[in-house]
């Protein structure tokens, strides 16, 4: 099963290129599907656990995304003054505090559905998946860079 997930991830990246700036919605959906498969496998979720786990996890992800979107929307300026930079740092601390509260809230909900041990595995699985995606994006970017040797501008 582990090799199947790895194969699916590789197939995804071989069949499509990712842009770090904008990822089309259909590719985001594919990444979400791969992430679900990856996490489900890593946590060895039973069908009963998965049925209860994923709605809560998706709810958590949606709330976390909302926090980040608000932070990004409020802090889009490229050139900022020192006082604006100071405010930005303070805002990032507030964001981190809100994220911690959100994690605690969902930890309490999720531990009713899966064991604390699986919640620890979840953190590792999320990080491993993120690393895998980043590594694959870098690899694909390097391949595109080396493949463009026609003598023209890149």
N, C-alpha and C. Protein backbone atom coordinates (compact mmCIF):
# COMPACT_ATOMS: atom_id res chain seq x y z
N UNK A 1 0.83 -1.20 0.00
CA UNK A 1 0.00 0.00 0.00
C UNK A 1 0.87 1.26 0.00
N UNK A 2 1.99 1.21 0.74
CA UNK A 2 2.89 2.35 0.81
C UNK A 2 3.46 2.66 -0.57
N UNK A 3 3.86 1.62 -1.30
CA UNK A 3 4.42 1.84 -2.63
C UNK A 3 3.34 2.33 -3.59
N UNK A 4 2.11 1.93 -3.38
CA UNK A 4 1.00 2.40 -4.22
C UNK A 4 0.82 3.91 -4.06
N UNK A 5 0.85 4.38 -2.82
CA UNK A 5 0.72 5.81 -2.57
C UNK A 5 1.88 6.57 -3.20
N UNK A 6 3.09 6.05 -3.03
CA UNK A 6 4.26 6.70 -3.64
C UNK A 6 4.11 6.74 -5.15
N UNK A 7 3.66 5.64 -5.73
CA UNK A 7 3.46 5.57 -7.17
C UNK A 7 2.42 6.59 -7.62
N UNK A 8 1.32 6.70 -6.89
CA UNK A 8 0.28 7.67 -7.25
C UNK A 8 0.81 9.10 -7.18
N UNK A 9 1.60 9.38 -6.16
CA UNK A 9 2.17 10.72 -6.03
C UNK A 9 3.09 11.01 -7.21
N UNK A 10 3.93 10.05 -7.55
CA UNK A 10 4.83 10.23 -8.69
C UNK A 10 4.06 10.40 -9.99
N UNK A 11 3.02 9.60 -10.17
CA UNK A 11 2.19 9.71 -11.38
C UNK A 11 1.58 11.10 -11.48
N UNK A 12 1.11 11.59 -10.35
CA UNK A 12 0.52 12.92 -10.34
C UNK A 12 1.52 13.95 -10.84
N UNK A 13 2.73 13.90 -10.30
CA UNK A 13 3.72 14.90 -10.67
C UNK A 13 4.26 14.70 -12.07
N UNK A 14 4.31 13.48 -12.52
CA UNK A 14 4.77 13.23 -13.88
C UNK A 14 3.74 13.68 -14.90
N UNK A 15 2.48 13.62 -14.54
CA UNK A 15 1.42 13.97 -15.49
C UNK A 15 1.08 15.45 -15.50
N UNK A 16 1.56 16.20 -14.53
CA UNK A 16 1.23 17.62 -14.50
C UNK A 16 2.34 18.41 -13.86
N UNK A 17 2.50 19.64 -14.27
CA UNK A 17 3.50 20.49 -13.65
C UNK A 17 2.81 21.43 -12.68
N UNK A 18 3.52 21.75 -11.60
CA UNK A 18 2.95 22.62 -10.58
C UNK A 18 3.64 23.97 -10.61
N UNK A 19 2.87 24.99 -10.44
CA UNK A 19 3.40 26.33 -10.31
C UNK A 19 3.27 26.72 -8.85
N UNK A 20 4.35 27.22 -8.26
CA UNK A 20 4.31 27.60 -6.85
C UNK A 20 3.36 28.77 -6.63
N UNK A 21 3.15 29.58 -7.67
CA UNK A 21 2.30 30.76 -7.52
C UNK A 21 0.82 30.42 -7.58
N UNK A 22 0.42 29.74 -8.66
CA UNK A 22 -1.00 29.43 -8.84
C UNK A 22 -1.14 27.98 -9.26
N UNK A 23 -1.92 27.26 -8.51
CA UNK A 23 -2.17 25.86 -8.83
C UNK A 23 -3.64 25.77 -9.23
N UNK A 24 -3.91 25.30 -10.45
CA UNK A 24 -5.31 25.17 -10.88
C UNK A 24 -6.11 24.29 -9.91
N UNK A 25 -7.38 24.56 -9.83
CA UNK A 25 -8.25 23.88 -8.87
C UNK A 25 -8.24 22.37 -9.05
N UNK A 26 -8.21 21.88 -10.29
CA UNK A 26 -8.21 20.43 -10.50
C UNK A 26 -6.93 19.79 -9.96
N UNK A 27 -5.83 20.51 -10.00
CA UNK A 27 -4.58 19.97 -9.42
C UNK A 27 -4.63 20.00 -7.90
N UNK A 28 -5.23 21.04 -7.35
CA UNK A 28 -5.40 21.11 -5.90
C UNK A 28 -6.24 19.93 -5.43
N UNK A 29 -7.29 19.62 -6.19
CA UNK A 29 -8.14 18.48 -5.85
C UNK A 29 -7.35 17.18 -5.88
N UNK A 30 -6.48 17.04 -6.87
CA UNK A 30 -5.66 15.82 -6.96
C UNK A 30 -4.69 15.73 -5.78
N UNK A 31 -4.10 16.86 -5.40
CA UNK A 31 -3.20 16.87 -4.25
C UNK A 31 -3.96 16.50 -3.00
N UNK A 32 -5.18 17.05 -2.84
CA UNK A 32 -6.01 16.71 -1.68
C UNK A 32 -6.29 15.21 -1.64
N UNK A 33 -6.62 14.64 -2.78
CA UNK A 33 -6.91 13.20 -2.84
C UNK A 33 -5.68 12.38 -2.47
N UNK A 34 -4.53 12.79 -2.99
CA UNK A 34 -3.29 12.08 -2.66
C UNK A 34 -2.97 12.22 -1.17
N UNK A 35 -3.24 13.40 -0.64
CA UNK A 35 -2.98 13.65 0.78
C UNK A 35 -3.87 12.76 1.66
N UNK A 36 -5.14 12.64 1.27
CA UNK A 36 -6.06 11.78 2.02
C UNK A 36 -5.56 10.34 2.01
N UNK A 37 -5.15 9.87 0.83
CA UNK A 37 -4.64 8.49 0.73
C UNK A 37 -3.38 8.32 1.57
N UNK A 38 -2.49 9.29 1.49
CA UNK A 38 -1.22 9.24 2.22
C UNK A 38 -1.46 9.19 3.73
N UNK A 39 -2.28 10.10 4.23
CA UNK A 39 -2.54 10.18 5.67
C UNK A 39 -3.32 8.96 6.15
N UNK A 40 -4.32 8.55 5.39
CA UNK A 40 -5.11 7.37 5.77
C UNK A 40 -4.20 6.15 5.90
N UNK A 41 -3.28 6.01 4.96
CA UNK A 41 -2.36 4.87 5.01
C UNK A 41 -1.40 4.98 6.19
N UNK A 42 -0.80 6.16 6.38
CA UNK A 42 0.16 6.35 7.46
C UNK A 42 -0.46 6.11 8.84
N UNK A 43 -1.69 6.57 9.00
CA UNK A 43 -2.37 6.41 10.29
C UNK A 43 -3.03 5.04 10.42
N UNK A 44 -3.09 4.32 9.32
CA UNK A 44 -3.77 3.02 9.27
C UNK A 44 -5.19 3.16 9.83
N UNK A 45 -5.90 4.14 9.27
CA UNK A 45 -7.27 4.39 9.72
C UNK A 45 -8.18 3.26 9.27
N UNK A 46 -9.01 2.80 10.18
CA UNK A 46 -10.04 1.84 9.81
C UNK A 46 -11.13 2.61 9.06
N UNK A 47 -11.98 1.93 8.32
CA UNK A 47 -13.07 2.65 7.65
C UNK A 47 -13.94 3.44 8.63
N UNK A 48 -14.17 2.87 9.81
CA UNK A 48 -14.98 3.56 10.82
C UNK A 48 -14.27 4.82 11.32
N UNK A 49 -12.96 4.72 11.56
CA UNK A 49 -12.20 5.89 12.00
C UNK A 49 -12.18 6.96 10.90
N UNK A 50 -11.93 6.52 9.68
CA UNK A 50 -11.84 7.46 8.55
C UNK A 50 -13.16 8.22 8.37
N UNK A 51 -14.25 7.52 8.54
CA UNK A 51 -15.58 8.13 8.38
C UNK A 51 -15.79 9.28 9.36
N UNK A 52 -15.25 9.14 10.57
CA UNK A 52 -15.40 10.19 11.58
C UNK A 52 -14.25 11.20 11.53
N UNK A 53 -13.06 10.71 11.17
CA UNK A 53 -11.86 11.54 11.18
C UNK A 53 -11.89 12.63 10.10
N UNK A 54 -12.16 12.23 8.85
CA UNK A 54 -12.00 13.17 7.74
C UNK A 54 -12.93 14.39 7.80
N UNK A 55 -14.18 14.27 8.20
CA UNK A 55 -14.99 15.50 8.32
C UNK A 55 -14.40 16.48 9.34
N UNK A 56 -13.92 15.97 10.48
CA UNK A 56 -13.31 16.84 11.48
C UNK A 56 -12.02 17.46 10.97
N UNK A 57 -11.20 16.64 10.34
CA UNK A 57 -9.92 17.12 9.82
C UNK A 57 -10.14 18.19 8.75
N UNK A 58 -11.11 17.96 7.87
CA UNK A 58 -11.41 18.94 6.82
C UNK A 58 -11.93 20.25 7.41
N UNK A 59 -12.70 20.13 8.47
CA UNK A 59 -13.20 21.31 9.19
C UNK A 59 -12.02 22.10 9.76
N UNK A 60 -11.09 21.38 10.38
CA UNK A 60 -9.88 22.00 10.94
C UNK A 60 -9.08 22.71 9.84
N UNK A 61 -8.87 22.02 8.73
CA UNK A 61 -8.11 22.60 7.61
C UNK A 61 -8.78 23.85 7.07
N UNK A 62 -10.10 23.84 6.98
CA UNK A 62 -10.84 25.01 6.48
C UNK A 62 -10.68 26.20 7.43
N UNK A 63 -10.76 25.95 8.72
CA UNK A 63 -10.58 27.03 9.70
C UNK A 63 -9.15 27.57 9.65
N UNK A 64 -8.19 26.67 9.52
CA UNK A 64 -6.78 27.08 9.44
C UNK A 64 -6.55 27.91 8.18
N UNK A 65 -7.13 27.49 7.08
CA UNK A 65 -6.99 28.22 5.82
C UNK A 65 -7.57 29.62 5.94
N UNK A 66 -8.72 29.72 6.62
CA UNK A 66 -9.35 31.03 6.81
C UNK A 66 -8.43 31.98 7.58
N UNK A 67 -7.77 31.46 8.63
CA UNK A 67 -6.83 32.27 9.40
C UNK A 67 -5.70 32.79 8.50
N UNK A 68 -5.15 31.90 7.71
CA UNK A 68 -4.02 32.26 6.85
C UNK A 68 -4.44 33.24 5.75
N UNK A 69 -5.61 33.04 5.18
CA UNK A 69 -6.09 33.92 4.12
C UNK A 69 -6.27 35.34 4.65
N UNK A 70 -6.82 35.46 5.84
CA UNK A 70 -7.01 36.78 6.43
C UNK A 70 -5.66 37.44 6.68
N UNK A 71 -4.70 36.67 7.18
CA UNK A 71 -3.37 37.21 7.44
C UNK A 71 -2.73 37.68 6.13
N UNK A 72 -2.81 36.87 5.08
CA UNK A 72 -2.22 37.24 3.79
C UNK A 72 -2.91 38.46 3.20
N UNK A 73 -4.23 38.49 3.31
CA UNK A 73 -5.00 39.62 2.76
C UNK A 73 -4.62 40.91 3.46
N UNK A 74 -4.42 40.85 4.75
CA UNK A 74 -4.10 42.04 5.53
C UNK A 74 -2.64 42.48 5.37
N UNK A 75 -1.80 41.63 4.79
CA UNK A 75 -0.36 41.92 4.74
C UNK A 75 0.23 41.68 3.36
N UNK A 76 -0.28 42.39 2.37
CA UNK A 76 0.17 42.17 0.99
C UNK A 76 1.22 43.16 0.51
N UNK A 77 1.51 44.17 1.25
CA UNK A 77 2.42 45.20 0.77
C UNK A 77 3.83 44.65 0.60
N UNK A 78 4.45 45.04 -0.54
CA UNK A 78 5.82 44.62 -0.83
C UNK A 78 6.82 45.46 -0.05
N UNK A 79 6.70 46.77 -0.19
CA UNK A 79 7.62 47.68 0.49
C UNK A 79 6.90 48.25 1.71
N UNK A 80 7.51 48.03 2.86
CA UNK A 80 6.87 48.47 4.10
C UNK A 80 7.86 49.24 4.95
N UNK A 81 7.32 50.06 5.82
CA UNK A 81 8.14 50.82 6.75
C UNK A 81 8.50 49.93 7.93
N UNK A 82 9.40 50.42 8.77
CA UNK A 82 9.77 49.66 9.96
C UNK A 82 8.58 49.46 10.89
N UNK A 83 7.76 50.49 11.03
CA UNK A 83 6.60 50.34 11.93
C UNK A 83 5.60 49.35 11.35
N UNK A 84 5.45 49.34 10.01
CA UNK A 84 4.56 48.36 9.39
C UNK A 84 5.13 46.95 9.55
N UNK A 85 6.45 46.84 9.44
CA UNK A 85 7.10 45.54 9.62
C UNK A 85 6.89 45.04 11.05
N UNK A 86 6.98 45.96 12.00
CA UNK A 86 6.76 45.61 13.40
C UNK A 86 5.32 45.12 13.60
N UNK A 87 4.37 45.80 12.99
CA UNK A 87 2.96 45.38 13.07
C UNK A 87 2.77 44.00 12.42
N UNK A 88 3.48 43.78 11.32
CA UNK A 88 3.39 42.50 10.62
C UNK A 88 3.91 41.36 11.50
N UNK A 89 5.01 41.60 12.18
CA UNK A 89 5.55 40.59 13.09
C UNK A 89 4.56 40.31 14.22
N UNK A 90 4.00 41.37 14.79
CA UNK A 90 2.99 41.19 15.84
C UNK A 90 1.80 40.40 15.32
N UNK A 91 1.37 40.71 14.10
CA UNK A 91 0.24 39.99 13.50
C UNK A 91 0.58 38.51 13.29
N UNK A 92 1.84 38.24 12.94
CA UNK A 92 2.23 36.83 12.75
C UNK A 92 2.22 36.09 14.08
N UNK A 93 2.58 36.78 15.16
CA UNK A 93 2.50 36.15 16.49
C UNK A 93 1.05 35.85 16.85
N UNK A 94 0.17 36.78 16.55
CA UNK A 94 -1.26 36.58 16.81
C UNK A 94 -1.76 35.39 16.00
N UNK A 95 -1.34 35.31 14.74
CA UNK A 95 -1.73 34.18 13.89
C UNK A 95 -1.25 32.86 14.50
N UNK A 96 -0.01 32.82 14.95
CA UNK A 96 0.52 31.60 15.56
C UNK A 96 -0.25 31.22 16.82
N UNK A 97 -0.62 32.21 17.62
CA UNK A 97 -1.41 31.93 18.82
C UNK A 97 -2.79 31.37 18.45
N UNK A 98 -3.41 31.96 17.43
CA UNK A 98 -4.72 31.47 16.99
C UNK A 98 -4.61 30.05 16.43
N UNK A 99 -3.53 29.79 15.70
CA UNK A 99 -3.31 28.44 15.18
C UNK A 99 -3.15 27.43 16.31
N UNK A 100 -2.43 27.81 17.34
CA UNK A 100 -2.23 26.92 18.49
C UNK A 100 -3.58 26.63 19.16
N UNK A 101 -4.40 27.65 19.34
CA UNK A 101 -5.72 27.45 19.94
C UNK A 101 -6.57 26.53 19.07
N UNK A 102 -6.48 26.72 17.76
CA UNK A 102 -7.22 25.88 16.83
C UNK A 102 -6.75 24.43 16.92
N UNK A 103 -5.43 24.23 17.00
CA UNK A 103 -4.89 22.87 17.13
C UNK A 103 -5.39 22.21 18.41
N UNK A 104 -5.38 22.95 19.50
CA UNK A 104 -5.85 22.40 20.78
C UNK A 104 -7.33 22.03 20.70
N UNK A 105 -8.11 22.90 20.08
CA UNK A 105 -9.55 22.66 19.94
C UNK A 105 -9.79 21.37 19.16
N UNK A 106 -9.09 21.20 18.04
CA UNK A 106 -9.31 20.02 17.21
C UNK A 106 -8.62 18.78 17.76
N UNK A 107 -7.56 18.96 18.53
CA UNK A 107 -6.95 17.80 19.19
C UNK A 107 -7.98 17.17 20.12
N UNK A 108 -8.68 18.01 20.87
CA UNK A 108 -9.70 17.51 21.79
C UNK A 108 -10.81 16.77 21.03
N UNK A 109 -11.20 17.30 19.88
CA UNK A 109 -12.25 16.65 19.08
C UNK A 109 -11.74 15.36 18.44
N UNK A 110 -10.54 15.42 17.88
CA UNK A 110 -10.01 14.27 17.14
C UNK A 110 -9.63 13.10 18.04
N UNK A 111 -9.21 13.39 19.28
CA UNK A 111 -8.82 12.28 20.14
C UNK A 111 -10.03 11.45 20.60
N UNK A 112 -11.23 11.96 20.33
CA UNK A 112 -12.43 11.16 20.59
C UNK A 112 -12.67 10.17 19.44
N UNK A 113 -11.99 10.41 18.31
CA UNK A 113 -12.19 9.62 17.11
C UNK A 113 -11.02 8.66 16.85
N UNK A 114 -9.79 9.16 17.08
CA UNK A 114 -8.60 8.32 16.91
C UNK A 114 -7.72 8.47 18.15
N UNK A 115 -6.80 7.56 18.32
CA UNK A 115 -5.96 7.56 19.52
C UNK A 115 -4.95 8.71 19.50
N UNK A 116 -4.48 9.13 20.68
CA UNK A 116 -3.43 10.15 20.74
C UNK A 116 -2.18 9.73 19.96
N UNK A 117 -1.89 8.44 19.96
CA UNK A 117 -0.73 7.94 19.19
C UNK A 117 -0.92 8.24 17.70
N UNK A 118 -2.13 8.03 17.20
CA UNK A 118 -2.40 8.32 15.79
C UNK A 118 -2.36 9.83 15.52
N UNK A 119 -2.69 10.63 16.51
CA UNK A 119 -2.60 12.07 16.34
C UNK A 119 -1.15 12.52 16.20
N UNK A 120 -0.26 11.86 16.93
CA UNK A 120 1.17 12.14 16.77
C UNK A 120 1.62 11.72 15.37
N UNK A 121 1.16 10.54 14.94
CA UNK A 121 1.49 10.07 13.59
C UNK A 121 0.94 11.02 12.53
N UNK A 122 -0.20 11.64 12.81
CA UNK A 122 -0.80 12.59 11.89
C UNK A 122 0.15 13.77 11.65
N UNK A 123 0.70 14.31 12.72
CA UNK A 123 1.63 15.43 12.58
C UNK A 123 2.81 15.05 11.69
N UNK A 124 3.35 13.88 11.92
CA UNK A 124 4.50 13.41 11.12
C UNK A 124 4.07 13.18 9.68
N UNK A 125 2.91 12.58 9.47
CA UNK A 125 2.43 12.31 8.11
C UNK A 125 2.20 13.62 7.34
N UNK A 126 1.64 14.62 8.00
CA UNK A 126 1.43 15.91 7.35
C UNK A 126 2.76 16.51 6.89
N UNK A 127 3.73 16.47 7.78
CA UNK A 127 5.06 17.03 7.46
C UNK A 127 5.73 16.22 6.35
N UNK A 128 5.65 14.90 6.42
CA UNK A 128 6.25 14.05 5.39
C UNK A 128 5.61 14.31 4.03
N UNK A 129 4.30 14.46 4.00
CA UNK A 129 3.62 14.72 2.74
C UNK A 129 4.03 16.08 2.18
N UNK A 130 4.09 17.08 3.04
CA UNK A 130 4.51 18.43 2.62
C UNK A 130 5.92 18.38 2.03
N UNK A 131 6.83 17.68 2.70
CA UNK A 131 8.21 17.55 2.20
C UNK A 131 8.25 16.85 0.84
N UNK A 132 7.44 15.80 0.72
CA UNK A 132 7.40 15.05 -0.53
C UNK A 132 6.93 15.94 -1.68
N UNK A 133 5.91 16.73 -1.43
CA UNK A 133 5.39 17.64 -2.45
C UNK A 133 6.44 18.67 -2.83
N UNK A 134 7.07 19.28 -1.85
CA UNK A 134 8.09 20.30 -2.11
C UNK A 134 9.27 19.70 -2.87
N UNK A 135 9.72 18.54 -2.44
CA UNK A 135 10.84 17.86 -3.10
C UNK A 135 10.51 17.59 -4.57
N UNK A 136 9.30 17.12 -4.81
CA UNK A 136 8.89 16.81 -6.18
C UNK A 136 8.77 18.09 -7.02
N UNK A 137 8.27 19.16 -6.43
CA UNK A 137 8.17 20.43 -7.15
C UNK A 137 9.56 20.93 -7.53
N UNK A 138 10.52 20.84 -6.61
CA UNK A 138 11.89 21.27 -6.90
C UNK A 138 12.49 20.42 -8.01
N UNK A 139 12.26 19.12 -7.94
CA UNK A 139 12.80 18.22 -8.95
C UNK A 139 12.25 18.58 -10.32
N UNK A 140 10.95 18.81 -10.38
CA UNK A 140 10.32 19.15 -11.66
C UNK A 140 10.82 20.50 -12.18
N UNK A 141 11.02 21.44 -11.27
CA UNK A 141 11.53 22.76 -11.67
C UNK A 141 12.94 22.62 -12.24
N UNK A 142 13.77 21.81 -11.60
CA UNK A 142 15.13 21.58 -12.11
C UNK A 142 15.10 20.91 -13.47
N UNK A 143 14.21 19.95 -13.65
CA UNK A 143 14.10 19.27 -14.94
C UNK A 143 13.70 20.26 -16.03
N UNK A 144 12.77 21.14 -15.74
CA UNK A 144 12.35 22.14 -16.72
C UNK A 144 13.50 23.08 -17.04
N UNK A 145 14.27 23.45 -16.03
CA UNK A 145 15.40 24.36 -16.23
C UNK A 145 16.48 23.75 -17.10
N UNK A 146 16.78 22.47 -16.89
CA UNK A 146 17.81 21.79 -17.68
C UNK A 146 17.31 21.42 -19.06
N UNK A 147 16.03 21.27 -19.20
CA UNK A 147 15.47 20.87 -20.49
C UNK A 147 15.39 22.02 -21.49
N UNK A 148 15.55 23.24 -21.02
CA UNK A 148 15.42 24.41 -21.89
C UNK A 148 16.81 24.88 -22.34
N UNK A 149 17.47 24.12 -23.21
CA UNK A 149 18.82 24.46 -23.65
C UNK A 149 18.83 24.75 -25.15
N UNK A 150 17.93 25.59 -25.60
CA UNK A 150 17.83 25.90 -27.02
C UNK A 150 18.62 27.15 -27.38
N UNK A 151 19.26 27.75 -26.42
CA UNK A 151 20.05 28.93 -26.71
C UNK A 151 19.26 30.23 -26.60
N UNK A 152 17.97 30.13 -26.43
CA UNK A 152 17.13 31.32 -26.30
C UNK A 152 16.99 31.74 -24.86
N UNK A 153 16.11 32.68 -24.65
CA UNK A 153 15.87 33.14 -23.28
C UNK A 153 14.97 32.15 -22.56
N UNK A 154 15.19 32.03 -21.29
CA UNK A 154 14.35 31.14 -20.48
C UNK A 154 13.13 31.87 -20.03
